[in-house]
Amino acid sequence: MNHITVMYSPAPRVVHEQLLPLSAGTTVLEALQQSGLLSKCPEINLSQPDAFMVFIWGKKTSPDHVLRDLDRIEICRALTVDPKVARRERFQKQGSSRAGLFSKRRVGAKPGY
């Protein structure tokens, strides 16, 4: 008997976590079907590799991978925004006077030091 954890985050700060007792030799796809997560969250479509990816403990895997005891299946959705672009936009929005090296200024010092 293997104990598998299935995790999925449909939105920021929302996590579905489920612990499943499964028989040995169960694949990732079988575990997802038995968890009921695919029916509870119909937006998950594993046939589209760009939309959702499946990981085991943070390492990418395929739906036909055979699970071992204490594996954690993580379903990750695609990024909606490139992290570099998001960071650049946050920096521009808050202004250079309140971010990074420029946030702490000594009295009488040159800007940026």
PDB file of N, CA and C in Angstrom:
ATOM      1  N   MET A   1       0.855  -1.184   0.000  1.00  0.00           N
ATOM      2  CA  MET A   1       0.000   0.000   0.000  1.00  0.00           C
ATOM      3  C   MET A   1       0.895   1.239   0.000  1.00  0.00           C
ATOM      4  N   ASN A   2       0.698   2.115  -0.985  1.00  0.00           N
ATOM      5  CA  ASN A   2       1.441   3.374  -1.089  1.00  0.00           C
ATOM      6  C   ASN A   2       0.570   4.533  -0.615  1.00  0.00           C
ATOM      7  N   HIS A   3       1.184   5.477   0.042  1.00  0.00           N
ATOM      8  CA  HIS A   3       0.479   6.682   0.467  1.00  0.00           C
ATOM      9  C   HIS A   3       0.976   7.828  -0.397  1.00  0.00           C
ATOM     10  N   ILE A   4       0.090   8.382  -1.215  1.00  0.00           N
ATOM     11  CA  ILE A   4       0.418   9.408  -2.200  1.00  0.00           C
ATOM     12  C   ILE A   4      -0.325  10.695  -1.841  1.00  0.00           C
ATOM     13  N   THR A   5       0.342  11.834  -1.992  1.00  0.00           N
ATOM     14  CA  THR A   5      -0.294  13.130  -1.801  1.00  0.00           C
ATOM     15  C   THR A   5      -0.469  13.782  -3.168  1.00  0.00           C
ATOM     16  N   VAL A   6      -1.664  14.296  -3.419  1.00  0.00           N
ATOM     17  CA  VAL A   6      -1.959  14.996  -4.674  1.00  0.00           C
ATOM     18  C   VAL A   6      -2.237  16.453  -4.326  1.00  0.00           C
ATOM     19  N   MET A   7      -1.539  17.365  -5.016  1.00  0.00           N
ATOM     20  CA  MET A   7      -1.687  18.798  -4.743  1.00  0.00           C
ATOM     21  C   MET A   7      -1.965  19.553  -6.031  1.00  0.00           C
ATOM     22  N   TYR A   8      -2.857  20.547  -5.904  1.00  0.00           N
ATOM     23  CA  TYR A   8      -3.186  21.411  -7.036  1.00  0.00           C
ATOM     24  C   TYR A   8      -3.603  22.768  -6.504  1.00  0.00           C
ATOM     25  N   SER A   9      -3.125  23.815  -7.151  1.00  0.00           N
ATOM     26  CA  SER A   9      -3.476  25.178  -6.767  1.00  0.00           C
ATOM     27  C   SER A   9      -4.185  25.855  -7.933  1.00  0.00           C
ATOM     28  N   PRO A  10      -5.521  25.958  -7.873  1.00  0.00           N
ATOM     29  CA  PRO A  10      -6.252  26.569  -8.981  1.00  0.00           C
ATOM     30  C   PRO A  10      -6.102  28.083  -9.054  1.00  0.00           C
ATOM     31  N   ALA A  11      -5.756  28.713  -7.935  1.00  0.00           N
ATOM     32  CA  ALA A  11      -5.611  30.161  -7.879  1.00  0.00           C
ATOM     33  C   ALA A  11      -4.566  30.500  -6.815  1.00  0.00           C
ATOM     34  N   PRO A  12      -4.042  31.712  -6.836  1.00  0.00           N
ATOM     35  CA  PRO A  12      -3.079  32.093  -5.803  1.00  0.00           C
ATOM     36  C   PRO A  12      -3.673  31.939  -4.396  1.00  0.00           C
ATOM     37  N   ARG A  13      -2.887  31.369  -3.504  1.00  0.00           N
ATOM     38  CA  ARG A  13      -3.239  31.157  -2.094  1.00  0.00           C
ATOM     39  C   ARG A  13      -4.384  30.161  -1.887  1.00  0.00           C
ATOM     40  N   VAL A  14      -4.715  29.363  -2.906  1.00  0.00           N
ATOM     41  CA  VAL A  14      -5.728  28.308  -2.789  1.00  0.00           C
ATOM     42  C   VAL A  14      -5.048  26.993  -3.163  1.00  0.00           C
ATOM     43  N   VAL A  15      -5.053  26.022  -2.255  1.00  0.00           N
ATOM     44  CA  VAL A  15      -4.383  24.753  -2.502  1.00  0.00           C
ATOM     45  C   VAL A  15      -5.327  23.607  -2.155  1.00  0.00           C
ATOM     46  N   HIS A  16      -5.471  22.672  -3.099  1.00  0.00           N
ATOM     47  CA  HIS A  16      -6.206  21.438  -2.843  1.00  0.00           C
ATOM     48  C   HIS A  16      -5.161  20.363  -2.565  1.00  0.00           C
ATOM     49  N   GLU A  17      -5.226  19.754  -1.386  1.00  0.00           N
ATOM     50  CA  GLU A  17      -4.283  18.699  -1.023  1.00  0.00           C
ATOM     51  C   GLU A  17      -5.077  17.479  -0.581  1.00  0.00           C
ATOM     52  N   GLN A  18      -4.690  16.320  -1.088  1.00  0.00           N
ATOM     53  CA  GLN A  18      -5.421  15.109  -0.777  1.00  0.00           C
ATOM     54  C   GLN A  18      -4.432  13.960  -0.586  1.00  0.00           C
ATOM     55  N   LEU A  19      -4.600  13.212   0.493  1.00  0.00           N
ATOM     56  CA  LEU A  19      -3.774  12.042   0.774  1.00  0.00           C
ATOM     57  C   LEU A  19      -4.535  10.795   0.337  1.00  0.00           C
ATOM     58  N   LEU A  20      -3.886   9.949  -0.490  1.00  0.00           N
ATOM     59  CA  LEU A  20      -4.539   8.766  -1.041  1.00  0.00           C
ATOM     60  C   LEU A  20      -3.775   7.499  -0.682  1.00  0.00           C
ATOM     61  N   PRO A  21      -4.450   6.489  -0.157  1.00  0.00           N
ATOM     62  CA  PRO A  21      -3.819   5.174  -0.040  1.00  0.00           C
ATOM     63  C   PRO A  21      -4.064   4.405  -1.340  1.00  0.00           C
ATOM     64  N   LEU A  22      -3.003   4.094  -2.065  1.00  0.00           N
ATOM     65  CA  LEU A  22      -3.123   3.425  -3.368  1.00  0.00           C
ATOM     66  C   LEU A  22      -2.316   2.140  -3.379  1.00  0.00           C
ATOM     67  N   SER A  23      -2.686   1.240  -4.245  1.00  0.00           N
ATOM     68  CA  SER A  23      -1.944  -0.013  -4.378  1.00  0.00           C
ATOM     69  C   SER A  23      -0.642   0.226  -5.131  1.00  0.00           C
ATOM     70  N   ALA A  24       0.295  -0.676  -4.945  1.00  0.00           N
ATOM     71  CA  ALA A  24       1.590  -0.566  -5.618  1.00  0.00           C
ATOM     72  C   ALA A  24       1.386  -0.709  -7.123  1.00  0.00           C
ATOM     73  N   GLY A  25       2.187   0.001  -7.900  1.00  0.00           N
ATOM     74  CA  GLY A  25       2.103  -0.060  -9.353  1.00  0.00           C
ATOM     75  C   GLY A  25       1.128   0.927  -9.965  1.00  0.00           C
ATOM     76  N   THR A  26       0.579   1.835  -9.161  1.00  0.00           N
ATOM     77  CA  THR A  26      -0.364   2.833  -9.674  1.00  0.00           C
ATOM     78  C   THR A  26       0.408   3.928 -10.404  1.00  0.00           C
ATOM     79  N   THR A  27      -0.120   4.379 -11.528  1.00  0.00           N
ATOM     80  CA  THR A  27       0.523   5.450 -12.284  1.00  0.00           C
ATOM     81  C   THR A  27      -0.015   6.812 -11.833  1.00  0.00           C
ATOM     82  N   VAL A  28       0.637   7.852 -12.304  1.00  0.00           N
ATOM     83  CA  VAL A  28       0.228   9.217 -11.957  1.00  0.00           C
ATOM     84  C   VAL A  28      -1.195   9.482 -12.437  1.00  0.00           C
ATOM     85  N   LEU A  29      -1.506   9.111 -13.660  1.00  0.00           N
ATOM     86  CA  LEU A  29      -2.845   9.348 -14.211  1.00  0.00           C
ATOM     87  C   LEU A  29      -3.916   8.590 -13.433  1.00  0.00           C
ATOM     88  N   GLU A  30      -3.640   7.353 -13.064  1.00  0.00           N
ATOM     89  CA  GLU A  30      -4.591   6.577 -12.272  1.00  0.00           C
ATOM     90  C   GLU A  30      -4.816   7.207 -10.902  1.00  0.00           C
ATOM     91  N   ALA A  31      -3.741   7.717 -10.300  1.00  0.00           N
ATOM     92  CA  ALA A  31      -3.871   8.366  -8.998  1.00  0.00           C
ATOM     93  C   ALA A  31      -4.718   9.627  -9.099  1.00  0.00           C
ATOM     94  N   LEU A  32      -4.536  10.398 -10.171  1.00  0.00           N
ATOM     95  CA  LEU A  32      -5.330  11.615 -10.354  1.00  0.00           C
ATOM     96  C   LEU A  32      -6.801  11.282 -10.581  1.00  0.00           C
ATOM     97  N   GLN A  33      -7.061  10.216 -11.311  1.00  0.00           N
ATOM     98  CA  GLN A  33      -8.444   9.807 -11.537  1.00  0.00           C
ATOM     99  C   GLN A  33      -9.091   9.318 -10.247  1.00  0.00           C
ATOM    100  N   GLN A  34      -8.346   8.571  -9.439  1.00  0.00           N
ATOM    101  CA  GLN A  34      -8.887   8.053  -8.187  1.00  0.00           C
ATOM    102  C   GLN A  34      -9.066   9.152  -7.136  1.00  0.00           C
ATOM    103  N   SER A  35      -8.295  10.226  -7.260  1.00  0.00           N
ATOM    104  CA  SER A  35      -8.413  11.316  -6.282  1.00  0.00           C
ATOM    105  C   SER A  35      -9.695  12.115  -6.483  1.00  0.00           C
ATOM    106  N   GLY A  36     -10.252  12.091  -7.677  1.00  0.00           N
ATOM    107  CA  GLY A  36     -11.447  12.871  -7.974  1.00  0.00           C
ATOM    108  C   GLY A  36     -11.132  14.318  -8.305  1.00  0.00           C
ATOM    109  N   LEU A  37      -9.860  14.648  -8.353  1.00  0.00           N
ATOM    110  CA  LEU A  37      -9.452  16.029  -8.624  1.00  0.00           C
ATOM    111  C   LEU A  37      -9.771  16.441 -10.052  1.00  0.00           C
ATOM    112  N   LEU A  38      -9.662  15.504 -10.993  1.00  0.00           N
ATOM    113  CA  LEU A  38      -9.939  15.834 -12.392  1.00  0.00           C
ATOM    114  C   LEU A  38     -11.417  16.159 -12.613  1.00  0.00           C
ATOM    115  N   SER A  39     -12.302  15.528 -11.843  1.00  0.00           N
ATOM    116  CA  SER A  39     -13.727  15.841 -11.976  1.00  0.00           C
ATOM    117  C   SER A  39     -14.102  17.076 -11.158  1.00  0.00           C
ATOM    118  N   LYS A  40     -13.414  17.292 -10.019  1.00  0.00           N
ATOM    119  CA  LYS A  40     -13.706  18.458  -9.179  1.00  0.00           C
ATOM    120  C   LYS A  40     -13.181  19.747  -9.815  1.00  0.00           C
ATOM    121  N   CYS A  41     -12.087  19.661 -10.544  1.00  0.00           N
ATOM    122  CA  CYS A  41     -11.491  20.819 -11.213  1.00  0.00           C
ATOM    123  C   CYS A  41     -11.427  20.530 -12.713  1.00  0.00           C
ATOM    124  N   PRO A  42     -12.509  20.794 -13.441  1.00  0.00           N
ATOM    125  CA  PRO A  42     -12.555  20.434 -14.865  1.00  0.00           C
ATOM    126  C   PRO A  42     -11.590  21.226 -15.740  1.00  0.00           C
ATOM    127  N   GLU A  43     -11.005  22.307 -15.219  1.00  0.00           N
ATOM    128  CA  GLU A  43     -10.056  23.080 -16.028  1.00  0.00           C
ATOM    129  C   GLU A  43      -8.740  22.343 -16.252  1.00  0.00           C
ATOM    130  N   ILE A  44      -8.468  21.296 -15.458  1.00  0.00           N
ATOM    131  CA  ILE A  44      -7.239  20.523 -15.625  1.00  0.00           C
ATOM    132  C   ILE A  44      -7.382  19.637 -16.851  1.00  0.00           C
ATOM    133  N   ASN A  45      -6.521  19.865 -17.821  1.00  0.00           N
ATOM    134  CA  ASN A  45      -6.517  19.063 -19.041  1.00  0.00           C
ATOM    135  C   ASN A  45      -5.076  18.649 -19.298  1.00  0.00           C
ATOM    136  N   LEU A  46      -4.736  17.445 -18.886  1.00  0.00           N
ATOM    137  CA  LEU A  46      -3.359  16.978 -18.996  1.00  0.00           C
ATOM    138  C   LEU A  46      -2.954  16.656 -20.426  1.00  0.00           C
ATOM    139  N   SER A  47      -3.909  16.614 -21.350  1.00  0.00           N
ATOM    140  CA  SER A  47      -3.564  16.348 -22.748  1.00  0.00           C
ATOM    141  C   SER A  47      -2.936  17.569 -23.416  1.00  0.00           C
ATOM    142  N   GLN A  48      -3.087  18.741 -22.798  1.00  0.00           N
ATOM    143  CA  GLN A  48      -2.439  19.957 -23.305  1.00  0.00           C
ATOM    144  C   GLN A  48      -1.178  20.203 -22.475  1.00  0.00           C
ATOM    145  N   PRO A  49      -0.006  19.857 -22.984  1.00  0.00           N
ATOM    146  CA  PRO A  49       1.214  19.978 -22.182  1.00  0.00           C
ATOM    147  C   PRO A  49       1.598  21.419 -21.850  1.00  0.00           C
ATOM    148  N   ASP A  50       1.120  22.388 -22.626  1.00  0.00           N
ATOM    149  CA  ASP A  50       1.456  23.782 -22.337  1.00  0.00           C
ATOM    150  C   ASP A  50       0.599  24.360 -21.225  1.00  0.00           C
ATOM    151  N   ALA A  51      -0.596  23.825 -21.014  1.00  0.00           N
ATOM    152  CA  ALA A  51      -1.517  24.373 -20.027  1.00  0.00           C
ATOM    153  C   ALA A  51      -1.218  23.871 -18.617  1.00  0.00           C
ATOM    154  N   PHE A  52      -0.964  22.580 -18.462  1.00  0.00           N
ATOM    155  CA  PHE A  52      -0.716  21.987 -17.146  1.00  0.00           C
ATOM    156  C   PHE A  52       0.463  21.028 -17.225  1.00  0.00           C
ATOM    157  N   MET A  53       1.266  21.013 -16.162  1.00  0.00           N
ATOM    158  CA  MET A  53       2.382  20.087 -16.066  1.00  0.00           C
ATOM    159  C   MET A  53       2.258  19.318 -14.760  1.00  0.00           C
ATOM    160  N   VAL A  54       2.736  18.085 -14.765  1.00  0.00           N
ATOM    161  CA  VAL A  54       2.681  17.236 -13.585  1.00  0.00           C
ATOM    162  C   VAL A  54       4.099  17.016 -13.080  1.00  0.00           C
ATOM    163  N   PHE A  55       4.279  17.201 -11.768  1.00  0.00           N
ATOM    164  CA  PHE A  55       5.572  17.040 -11.123  1.00  0.00           C
ATOM    165  C   PHE A  55       5.444  16.048  -9.966  1.00  0.00           C
ATOM    166  N   ILE A  56       6.530  15.385  -9.645  1.00  0.00           N
ATOM    167  CA  ILE A  56       6.630  14.602  -8.421  1.00  0.00           C
ATOM    168  C   ILE A  56       7.781  15.202  -7.634  1.00  0.00           C
ATOM    169  N   TRP A  57       7.449  15.758  -6.484  1.00  0.00           N
ATOM    170  CA  TRP A  57       8.415  16.456  -5.628  1.00  0.00           C
ATOM    171  C   TRP A  57       9.220  17.486  -6.429  1.00  0.00           C
ATOM    172  N   GLY A  58       8.555  18.232  -7.303  1.00  0.00           N
ATOM    173  CA  GLY A  58       9.195  19.320  -8.036  1.00  0.00           C
ATOM    174  C   GLY A  58       9.928  18.899  -9.292  1.00  0.00           C
ATOM    175  N   LYS A  59       9.938  17.623  -9.636  1.00  0.00           N
ATOM    176  CA  LYS A  59      10.599  17.161 -10.852  1.00  0.00           C
ATOM    177  C   LYS A  59       9.531  16.736 -11.857  1.00  0.00           C
ATOM    178  N   LYS A  60       9.651  17.249 -13.069  1.00  0.00           N
ATOM    179  CA  LYS A  60       8.645  16.991 -14.102  1.00  0.00           C
ATOM    180  C   LYS A  60       8.561  15.497 -14.397  1.00  0.00           C
ATOM    181  N   THR A  61       7.337  15.029 -14.586  1.00  0.00           N
ATOM    182  CA  THR A  61       7.107  13.615 -14.858  1.00  0.00           C
ATOM    183  C   THR A  61       5.992  13.461 -15.879  1.00  0.00           C
ATOM    184  N   SER A  62       5.772  12.239 -16.309  1.00  0.00           N
ATOM    185  CA  SER A  62       4.721  11.958 -17.284  1.00  0.00           C
ATOM    186  C   SER A  62       3.549  11.274 -16.582  1.00  0.00           C
ATOM    187  N   PRO A  63       2.361  11.313 -17.191  1.00  0.00           N
ATOM    188  CA  PRO A  63       1.190  10.665 -16.572  1.00  0.00           C
ATOM    189  C   PRO A  63       1.310   9.153 -16.435  1.00  0.00           C
ATOM    190  N   ASP A  64       2.204   8.506 -17.182  1.00  0.00           N
ATOM    191  CA  ASP A  64       2.338   7.053 -17.077  1.00  0.00           C
ATOM    192  C   ASP A  64       3.446   6.615 -16.116  1.00  0.00           C
ATOM    193  N   HIS A  65       4.002   7.548 -15.358  1.00  0.00           N
ATOM    194  CA  HIS A  65       5.046   7.235 -14.374  1.00  0.00           C
ATOM    195  C   HIS A  65       4.454   6.418 -13.221  1.00  0.00           C
ATOM    196  N   VAL A  66       5.138   5.349 -12.808  1.00  0.00           N
ATOM    197  CA  VAL A  66       4.673   4.500 -11.711  1.00  0.00           C
ATOM    198  C   VAL A  66       5.102   5.134 -10.386  1.00  0.00           C
ATOM    199  N   LEU A  67       4.151   5.265  -9.477  1.00  0.00           N
ATOM    200  CA  LEU A  67       4.386   5.947  -8.206  1.00  0.00           C
ATOM    201  C   LEU A  67       5.000   5.026  -7.166  1.00  0.00           C
ATOM    202  N   ARG A  68       5.745   5.656  -6.243  1.00  0.00           N
ATOM    203  CA  ARG A  68       6.309   4.946  -5.098  1.00  0.00           C
ATOM    204  C   ARG A  68       5.677   5.497  -3.829  1.00  0.00           C
ATOM    205  N   ASP A  69       5.930   4.843  -2.728  1.00  0.00           N
ATOM    206  CA  ASP A  69       5.369   5.260  -1.445  1.00  0.00           C
ATOM    207  C   ASP A  69       5.858   6.659  -1.083  1.00  0.00           C
ATOM    208  N   LEU A  70       4.984   7.473  -0.565  1.00  0.00           N
ATOM    209  CA  LEU A  70       5.227   8.840  -0.093  1.00  0.00           C
ATOM    210  C   LEU A  70       5.557   9.827  -1.210  1.00  0.00           C
ATOM    211  N   ASP A  71       5.222   9.516  -2.453  1.00  0.00           N
ATOM    212  CA  ASP A  71       5.381  10.482  -3.546  1.00  0.00           C
ATOM    213  C   ASP A  71       4.336  11.590  -3.402  1.00  0.00           C
ATOM    214  N   ARG A  72       4.692  12.773  -3.860  1.00  0.00           N
ATOM    215  CA  ARG A  72       3.752  13.899  -3.863  1.00  0.00           C
ATOM    216  C   ARG A  72       3.588  14.368  -5.304  1.00  0.00           C
ATOM    217  N   ILE A  73       2.370  14.241  -5.819  1.00  0.00           N
ATOM    218  CA  ILE A  73       2.057  14.679  -7.180  1.00  0.00           C
ATOM    219  C   ILE A  73       1.636  16.140  -7.110  1.00  0.00           C
ATOM    220  N   GLU A  74       2.258  16.973  -7.938  1.00  0.00           N
ATOM    221  CA  GLU A  74       1.932  18.398  -7.985  1.00  0.00           C
ATOM    222  C   GLU A  74       1.478  18.737  -9.396  1.00  0.00           C
ATOM    223  N   ILE A  75       0.293  19.296  -9.506  1.00  0.00           N
ATOM    224  CA  ILE A  75      -0.215  19.742 -10.803  1.00  0.00           C
ATOM    225  C   ILE A  75      -0.015  21.252 -10.856  1.00  0.00           C
ATOM    226  N   CYS A  76       0.747  21.694 -11.831  1.00  0.00           N
ATOM    227  CA  CYS A  76       1.058  23.121 -11.938  1.00  0.00           C
ATOM    228  C   CYS A  76       0.416  23.694 -13.190  1.00  0.00           C
ATOM    229  N   ARG A  77      -0.225  24.838 -13.034  1.00  0.00           N
ATOM    230  CA  ARG A  77      -0.826  25.518 -14.176  1.00  0.00           C
ATOM    231  C   ARG A  77       0.225  26.401 -14.832  1.00  0.00           C
ATOM    232  N   ALA A  78      -0.017  26.785 -16.041  1.00  0.00           N
ATOM    233  CA  ALA A  78       0.929  27.629 -16.781  1.00  0.00           C
ATOM    234  C   ALA A  78       0.978  29.021 -16.170  1.00  0.00           C
ATOM    235  N   LEU A  79       2.116  29.669 -16.309  1.00  0.00           N
ATOM    236  CA  LEU A  79       2.258  31.030 -15.817  1.00  0.00           C
ATOM    237  C   LEU A  79       1.449  31.979 -16.684  1.00  0.00           C
ATOM    238  N   THR A  80       0.778  32.935 -16.051  1.00  0.00           N
ATOM    239  CA  THR A  80       0.017  33.921 -16.816  1.00  0.00           C
ATOM    240  C   THR A  80       0.871  35.132 -17.159  1.00  0.00           C
ATOM    241  N   VAL A  81       1.902  35.377 -16.359  1.00  0.00           N
ATOM    242  CA  VAL A  81       2.792  36.519 -16.579  1.00  0.00           C
ATOM    243  C   VAL A  81       4.225  36.046 -16.396  1.00  0.00           C
ATOM    244  N   ASP A  82       5.105  36.520 -17.252  1.00  0.00           N
ATOM    245  CA  ASP A  82       6.516  36.214 -17.107  1.00  0.00           C
ATOM    246  C   ASP A  82       7.031  36.873 -15.822  1.00  0.00           C
ATOM    247  N   PRO A  83       7.699  36.141 -14.924  1.00  0.00           N
ATOM    248  CA  PRO A  83       8.156  36.728 -13.656  1.00  0.00           C
ATOM    249  C   PRO A  83       9.074  37.933 -13.830  1.00  0.00           C
ATOM    250  N   LYS A  84       9.899  37.930 -14.869  1.00  0.00           N
ATOM    251  CA  LYS A  84      10.789  39.078 -15.096  1.00  0.00           C
ATOM    252  C   LYS A  84       9.986  40.331 -15.444  1.00  0.00           C
ATOM    253  N   VAL A  85       8.968  40.159 -16.276  1.00  0.00           N
ATOM    254  CA  VAL A  85       8.127  41.290 -16.664  1.00  0.00           C
ATOM    255  C   VAL A  85       7.349  41.806 -15.452  1.00  0.00           C
ATOM    256  N   ALA A  86       6.819  40.892 -14.635  1.00  0.00           N
ATOM    257  CA  ALA A  86       6.063  41.297 -13.448  1.00  0.00           C
ATOM    258  C   ALA A  86       6.945  42.085 -12.482  1.00  0.00           C
ATOM    259  N   ARG A  87       8.174  41.642 -12.282  1.00  0.00           N
ATOM    260  CA  ARG A  87       9.091  42.357 -11.380  1.00  0.00           C
ATOM    261  C   ARG A  87       9.418  43.744 -11.919  1.00  0.00           C
ATOM    262  N   ARG A  88       9.643  43.837 -13.223  1.00  0.00           N
ATOM    263  CA  ARG A  88       9.944  45.124 -13.843  1.00  0.00           C
ATOM    264  C   ARG A  88       8.760  46.093 -13.692  1.00  0.00           C
ATOM    265  N   GLU A  89       7.548  45.583 -13.877  1.00  0.00           N
ATOM    266  CA  GLU A  89       6.358  46.430 -13.737  1.00  0.00           C
ATOM    267  C   GLU A  89       6.155  46.886 -12.297  1.00  0.00           C
ATOM    268  N   ARG A  90       6.404  45.987 -11.332  1.00  0.00           N
ATOM    269  CA  ARG A  90       6.285  46.384  -9.918  1.00  0.00           C
ATOM    270  C   ARG A  90       7.299  47.464  -9.584  1.00  0.00           C
ATOM    271  N   PHE A  91       8.512  47.334 -10.088  1.00  0.00           N
ATOM    272  CA  PHE A  91       9.559  48.319  -9.825  1.00  0.00           C
ATOM    273  C   PHE A  91       9.171  49.675 -10.405  1.00  0.00           C
ATOM    274  N   GLN A  92       8.632  49.677 -11.631  1.00  0.00           N
ATOM    275  CA  GLN A  92       8.232  50.941 -12.255  1.00  0.00           C
ATOM    276  C   GLN A  92       7.060  51.576 -11.525  1.00  0.00           C
ATOM    277  N   LYS A  93       6.141  50.746 -11.015  1.00  0.00           N
ATOM    278  CA  LYS A  93       4.965  51.266 -10.330  1.00  0.00           C
ATOM    279  C   LYS A  93       5.325  51.891  -8.992  1.00  0.00           C
ATOM    280  N   GLN A  94       6.227  51.279  -8.238  1.00  0.00           N
ATOM    281  CA  GLN A  94       6.557  51.817  -6.922  1.00  0.00           C
ATOM    282  C   GLN A  94       7.595  52.929  -6.998  1.00  0.00           C
ATOM    283  N   GLY A  95       8.262  53.055  -8.118  1.00  0.00           N
ATOM    284  CA  GLY A  95       9.210  54.147  -8.288  1.00  0.00           C
ATOM    285  C   GLY A  95      10.584  53.780  -7.778  1.00  0.00           C
ATOM    286  N   SER A  96      11.585  54.388  -8.353  1.00  0.00           N
ATOM    287  CA  SER A  96      12.955  54.047  -7.990  1.00  0.00           C
ATOM    288  C   SER A  96      13.355  54.615  -6.631  1.00  0.00           C
ATOM    289  N   SER A  97      12.612  55.577  -6.133  1.00  0.00           N
ATOM    290  CA  SER A  97      12.999  56.176  -4.851  1.00  0.00           C
ATOM    291  C   SER A  97      12.678  55.269  -3.666  1.00  0.00           C
ATOM    292  N   ARG A  98      11.808  54.259  -3.859  1.00  0.00           N
ATOM    293  CA  ARG A  98      11.425  53.404  -2.740  1.00  0.00           C
ATOM    294  C   ARG A  98      11.885  51.967  -2.906  1.00  0.00           C
ATOM    295  N   ALA A  99      12.722  51.674  -3.897  1.00  0.00           N
ATOM    296  CA  ALA A  99      13.085  50.280  -4.164  1.00  0.00           C
ATOM    297  C   ALA A  99      14.595  50.083  -4.149  1.00  0.00           C
ATOM    298  N   GLY A 100      15.003  48.910  -3.722  1.00  0.00           N
ATOM    299  CA  GLY A 100      16.379  48.463  -3.834  1.00  0.00           C
ATOM    300  C   GLY A 100      17.392  49.372  -3.189  1.00  0.00           C
ATOM    301  N   LEU A 101      18.455  49.663  -3.942  1.00  0.00           N
ATOM    302  CA  LEU A 101      19.550  50.474  -3.435  1.00  0.00           C
ATOM    303  C   LEU A 101      19.136  51.898  -3.109  1.00  0.00           C
ATOM    304  N   PHE A 102      18.065  52.356  -3.727  1.00  0.00           N
ATOM    305  CA  PHE A 102      17.672  53.751  -3.603  1.00  0.00           C
ATOM    306  C   PHE A 102      16.697  53.991  -2.449  1.00  0.00           C
ATOM    307  N   SER A 103      16.312  52.969  -1.736  1.00  0.00           N
ATOM    308  CA  SER A 103      15.304  53.133  -0.696  1.00  0.00           C
ATOM    309  C   SER A 103      15.867  53.779   0.570  1.00  0.00           C
ATOM    310  N   LYS A 104      17.136  53.548   0.879  1.00  0.00           N
ATOM    311  CA  LYS A 104      17.733  54.122   2.099  1.00  0.00           C
ATOM    312  C   LYS A 104      18.782  55.149   1.677  1.00  0.00           C
ATOM    313  N   ARG A 105      18.520  56.368   2.011  1.00  0.00           N
ATOM    314  CA  ARG A 105      19.425  57.430   1.609  1.00  0.00           C
ATOM    315  C   ARG A 105      19.930  58.165   2.840  1.00  0.00           C
ATOM    316  N   ARG A 106      21.235  58.346   2.910  1.00  0.00           N
ATOM    317  CA  ARG A 106      21.800  59.129   4.016  1.00  0.00           C
ATOM    318  C   ARG A 106      21.536  60.603   3.771  1.00  0.00           C
ATOM    319  N   VAL A 107      21.419  61.337   4.837  1.00  0.00           N
ATOM    320  CA  VAL A 107      21.176  62.774   4.726  1.00  0.00           C
ATOM    321  C   VAL A 107      22.383  63.432   4.056  1.00  0.00           C
ATOM    322  N   GLY A 108      22.127  64.170   2.970  1.00  0.00           N
ATOM    323  CA  GLY A 108      23.190  64.869   2.260  1.00  0.00           C
ATOM    324  C   GLY A 108      23.923  64.027   1.246  1.00  0.00           C
ATOM    325  N   ALA A 109      23.552  62.765   1.079  1.00  0.00           N
ATOM    326  CA  ALA A 109      24.235  61.891   0.135  1.00  0.00           C
ATOM    327  C   ALA A 109      23.707  62.093  -1.281  1.00  0.00           C
ATOM    328  N   LYS A 110      24.517  61.687  -2.248  1.00  0.00           N
ATOM    329  CA  LYS A 110      24.090  61.763  -3.648  1.00  0.00           C
ATOM    330  C   LYS A 110      22.972  60.750  -3.897  1.00  0.00           C
ATOM    331  N   PRO A 111      22.083  61.013  -4.858  1.00  0.00           N
ATOM    332  CA  PRO A 111      21.039  60.040  -5.182  1.00  0.00           C
ATOM    333  C   PRO A 111      21.656  58.715  -5.642  1.00  0.00           C
ATOM    334  N   GLY A 112      21.162  57.619  -5.109  1.00  0.00           N
ATOM    335  CA  GLY A 112      21.654  56.307  -5.494  1.00  0.00           C
ATOM    336  C   GLY A 112      22.763  55.770  -4.634  1.00  0.00           C
ATOM    337  N   TYR A 113      23.196  56.539  -3.601  1.00  0.00           N
ATOM    338  CA  TYR A 113      24.293  56.076  -2.745  1.00  0.00           C
ATOM    339  C   TYR A 113      23.825  55.963  -1.318  1.00  0.00           C
TER     340      TYR A 113
END
